[in-house]
Amino acid sequence: MAASGVMLALGLLTSLAGAAIVGIMVNAALSVHLKNGFWVQNQGFEYPVVLMTIGVAVAVTGAGTYSLDHAFGWTLRGGGWGLFSIGLGMVSGLAIDLYRRRTRATEADH
């Protein structure tokens, strides 16, 4: 999580940072918040969804003028990058959640 935040703050590979945020928030929503419903006042998954949306929005809009992406001449923005961030984030978040659930089940068996 810290690495994606630093990448986002520096404007470095913003589409990957957005994907990392999506993945982290998918995992948070599934592992902690889903059982509580949608609304945040009930500890629901509303806030992780908001943060996922922000991660995708940053991937779509790209880094600004004062960013490392801009300094390197990279134009990593647009709808394709947004879809890339959603896809990569969802796959990584679901993979981590599956791994976490299998590890927990294995520990419970022993």
C-alpha atoms as a PDB file:
ATOM      1  CA  MET A   1       0.000   0.000   0.000  1.00  0.00           C
ATOM      2  CA  ALA A   2       2.780   2.412   0.842  1.00  0.00           C
ATOM      3  CA  ALA A   3       4.493   1.877  -2.503  1.00  0.00           C
ATOM      4  CA  SER A   4       1.311   2.623  -4.451  1.00  0.00           C
ATOM      5  CA  GLY A   5       0.775   5.771  -2.406  1.00  0.00           C
ATOM      6  CA  VAL A   6       4.323   6.953  -3.029  1.00  0.00           C
ATOM      7  CA  MET A   7       4.004   6.210  -6.751  1.00  0.00           C
ATOM      8  CA  LEU A   8       0.744   8.123  -6.847  1.00  0.00           C
ATOM      9  CA  ALA A   9       2.190  11.085  -4.953  1.00  0.00           C
ATOM     10  CA  LEU A  10       5.199  11.265  -7.264  1.00  0.00           C
ATOM     11  CA  GLY A  11       3.149  10.704 -10.403  1.00  0.00           C
ATOM     12  CA  LEU A  12       5.260   7.674 -11.267  1.00  0.00           C
ATOM     13  CA  LEU A  13       3.603   4.993 -13.401  1.00  0.00           C
ATOM     14  CA  THR A  14       0.214   6.311 -12.359  1.00  0.00           C
ATOM     15  CA  SER A  15      -1.717   3.559 -14.118  1.00  0.00           C
ATOM     16  CA  LEU A  16       0.145   0.910 -12.129  1.00  0.00           C
ATOM     17  CA  ALA A  17      -0.372   2.912  -8.941  1.00  0.00           C
ATOM     18  CA  GLY A  18      -4.079   3.094  -9.731  1.00  0.00           C
ATOM     19  CA  ALA A  19      -4.169  -0.671 -10.347  1.00  0.00           C
ATOM     20  CA  ALA A  20      -2.406  -1.291  -7.032  1.00  0.00           C
ATOM     21  CA  ILE A  21      -4.956   0.853  -5.213  1.00  0.00           C
ATOM     22  CA  VAL A  22      -7.807  -1.039  -6.885  1.00  0.00           C
ATOM     23  CA  GLY A  23      -6.246  -4.374  -5.892  1.00  0.00           C
ATOM     24  CA  ILE A  24      -5.665  -3.353  -2.313  1.00  0.00           C
ATOM     25  CA  MET A  25      -9.195  -2.024  -1.948  1.00  0.00           C
ATOM     26  CA  VAL A  26     -10.746  -5.134  -3.552  1.00  0.00           C
ATOM     27  CA  ASN A  27      -8.919  -7.206  -0.972  1.00  0.00           C
ATOM     28  CA  ALA A  28      -9.994  -4.875   1.863  1.00  0.00           C
ATOM     29  CA  ALA A  29     -13.608  -4.886   0.725  1.00  0.00           C
ATOM     30  CA  LEU A  30     -13.741  -8.677   0.461  1.00  0.00           C
ATOM     31  CA  SER A  31     -11.809  -9.518   3.617  1.00  0.00           C
ATOM     32  CA  VAL A  32     -13.206  -6.939   6.039  1.00  0.00           C
ATOM     33  CA  HIS A  33     -16.100  -4.846   4.792  1.00  0.00           C
ATOM     34  CA  LEU A  34     -18.339  -7.019   2.596  1.00  0.00           C
ATOM     35  CA  LYS A  35     -20.107  -8.739   5.486  1.00  0.00           C
ATOM     36  CA  ASN A  36     -21.184  -5.350   6.870  1.00  0.00           C
ATOM     37  CA  GLY A  37     -23.137  -4.187   3.835  1.00  0.00           C
ATOM     38  CA  PHE A  38     -22.532  -1.128   1.697  1.00  0.00           C
ATOM     39  CA  TRP A  39     -22.622   1.929   3.949  1.00  0.00           C
ATOM     40  CA  VAL A  40     -19.476   3.148   5.657  1.00  0.00           C
ATOM     41  CA  GLN A  41     -21.208   4.003   8.947  1.00  0.00           C
ATOM     42  CA  ASN A  42     -21.797   0.256   9.360  1.00  0.00           C
ATOM     43  CA  GLN A  43     -18.160  -0.516   8.446  1.00  0.00           C
ATOM     44  CA  GLY A  44     -19.358  -1.422   4.947  1.00  0.00           C
ATOM     45  CA  PHE A  45     -17.515  -1.441   1.636  1.00  0.00           C
ATOM     46  CA  GLU A  46     -18.577   2.028   0.469  1.00  0.00           C
ATOM     47  CA  TYR A  47     -15.221   3.684   1.240  1.00  0.00           C
ATOM     48  CA  PRO A  48     -13.083   1.019  -0.475  1.00  0.00           C
ATOM     49  CA  VAL A  49     -15.286   1.453  -3.569  1.00  0.00           C
ATOM     50  CA  VAL A  50     -14.661   5.222  -3.452  1.00  0.00           C
ATOM     51  CA  LEU A  51     -10.906   4.634  -3.237  1.00  0.00           C
ATOM     52  CA  MET A  52     -11.076   2.148  -6.138  1.00  0.00           C
ATOM     53  CA  THR A  53     -12.871   4.784  -8.181  1.00  0.00           C
ATOM     54  CA  ILE A  54     -10.161   7.310  -7.388  1.00  0.00           C
ATOM     55  CA  GLY A  55      -7.461   4.827  -8.435  1.00  0.00           C
ATOM     56  CA  VAL A  56      -9.189   4.287 -11.780  1.00  0.00           C
ATOM     57  CA  ALA A  57      -9.811   8.031 -12.238  1.00  0.00           C
ATOM     58  CA  VAL A  58      -6.112   8.744 -11.759  1.00  0.00           C
ATOM     59  CA  ALA A  59      -5.249   6.052 -14.304  1.00  0.00           C
ATOM     60  CA  VAL A  60      -7.679   7.570 -16.812  1.00  0.00           C
ATOM     61  CA  THR A  61      -6.633  11.203 -16.318  1.00  0.00           C
ATOM     62  CA  GLY A  62      -2.917  10.481 -15.906  1.00  0.00           C
ATOM     63  CA  ALA A  63      -0.323  12.365 -13.962  1.00  0.00           C
ATOM     64  CA  GLY A  64      -0.152  16.131 -14.078  1.00  0.00           C
ATOM     65  CA  THR A  65       2.520  18.488 -15.272  1.00  0.00           C
ATOM     66  CA  TYR A  66       4.511  18.229 -12.043  1.00  0.00           C
ATOM     67  CA  SER A  67       5.017  14.464 -12.076  1.00  0.00           C
ATOM     68  CA  LEU A  68       7.725  11.976 -12.880  1.00  0.00           C
ATOM     69  CA  ASP A  69       5.611  10.542 -15.694  1.00  0.00           C
ATOM     70  CA  HIS A  70       5.543  13.969 -17.325  1.00  0.00           C
ATOM     71  CA  ALA A  71       9.261  14.506 -16.673  1.00  0.00           C
ATOM     72  CA  PHE A  72      10.050  11.211 -18.418  1.00  0.00           C
ATOM     73  CA  GLY A  73       7.689  12.025 -21.286  1.00  0.00           C
ATOM     74  CA  TRP A  74       5.319   9.162 -20.526  1.00  0.00           C
ATOM     75  CA  THR A  75       1.661   9.607 -21.412  1.00  0.00           C
ATOM     76  CA  LEU A  76       0.070   6.818 -19.425  1.00  0.00           C
ATOM     77  CA  ARG A  77      -3.533   7.976 -19.454  1.00  0.00           C
ATOM     78  CA  GLY A  78      -6.820   7.368 -21.180  1.00  0.00           C
ATOM     79  CA  GLY A  79      -9.631   4.864 -21.217  1.00  0.00           C
ATOM     80  CA  GLY A  80      -7.365   1.973 -22.123  1.00  0.00           C
ATOM     81  CA  TRP A  81      -5.152   2.640 -19.124  1.00  0.00           C
ATOM     82  CA  GLY A  82      -8.253   2.894 -16.944  1.00  0.00           C
ATOM     83  CA  LEU A  83      -9.446  -0.504 -18.138  1.00  0.00           C
ATOM     84  CA  PHE A  84      -5.942  -1.873 -17.603  1.00  0.00           C
ATOM     85  CA  SER A  85      -6.002  -0.579 -14.014  1.00  0.00           C
ATOM     86  CA  ILE A  86      -9.407  -2.086 -13.345  1.00  0.00           C
ATOM     87  CA  GLY A  87      -8.396  -5.444 -14.810  1.00  0.00           C
ATOM     88  CA  LEU A  88      -5.010  -5.721 -13.154  1.00  0.00           C
ATOM     89  CA  GLY A  89      -6.349  -4.437  -9.844  1.00  0.00           C
ATOM     90  CA  MET A  90      -9.290  -6.838  -9.816  1.00  0.00           C
ATOM     91  CA  VAL A  91      -7.170  -9.855 -10.772  1.00  0.00           C
ATOM     92  CA  SER A  92      -4.471  -9.092  -8.196  1.00  0.00           C
ATOM     93  CA  GLY A  93      -6.989  -8.272  -5.459  1.00  0.00           C
ATOM     94  CA  LEU A  94      -8.981 -11.445  -6.081  1.00  0.00           C
ATOM     95  CA  ALA A  95      -5.794 -13.543  -6.240  1.00  0.00           C
ATOM     96  CA  ILE A  96      -4.604 -12.181  -2.902  1.00  0.00           C
ATOM     97  CA  ASP A  97      -8.035 -12.761  -1.355  1.00  0.00           C
ATOM     98  CA  LEU A  98      -8.094 -16.344  -2.638  1.00  0.00           C
ATOM     99  CA  TYR A  99      -4.592 -16.957  -1.269  1.00  0.00           C
ATOM    100  CA  ARG A 100      -5.583 -15.468   2.099  1.00  0.00           C
ATOM    101  CA  ARG A 101      -8.708 -17.645   2.303  1.00  0.00           C
ATOM    102  CA  ARG A 102      -6.795 -20.823   1.387  1.00  0.00           C
ATOM    103  CA  THR A 103      -4.082 -20.049   3.941  1.00  0.00           C
ATOM    104  CA  ARG A 104      -6.701 -19.481   6.627  1.00  0.00           C
ATOM    105  CA  ALA A 105      -8.479 -22.742   5.728  1.00  0.00           C
ATOM    106  CA  THR A 106      -5.195 -24.664   5.819  1.00  0.00           C
ATOM    107  CA  GLU A 107      -4.317 -23.219   9.224  1.00  0.00           C
ATOM    108  CA  ALA A 108      -7.761 -24.109  10.557  1.00  0.00           C
ATOM    109  CA  ASP A 109      -7.298 -27.731   9.435  1.00  0.00           C
ATOM    110  CA  HIS A 110      -4.095 -28.123  11.452  1.00  0.00           C
END
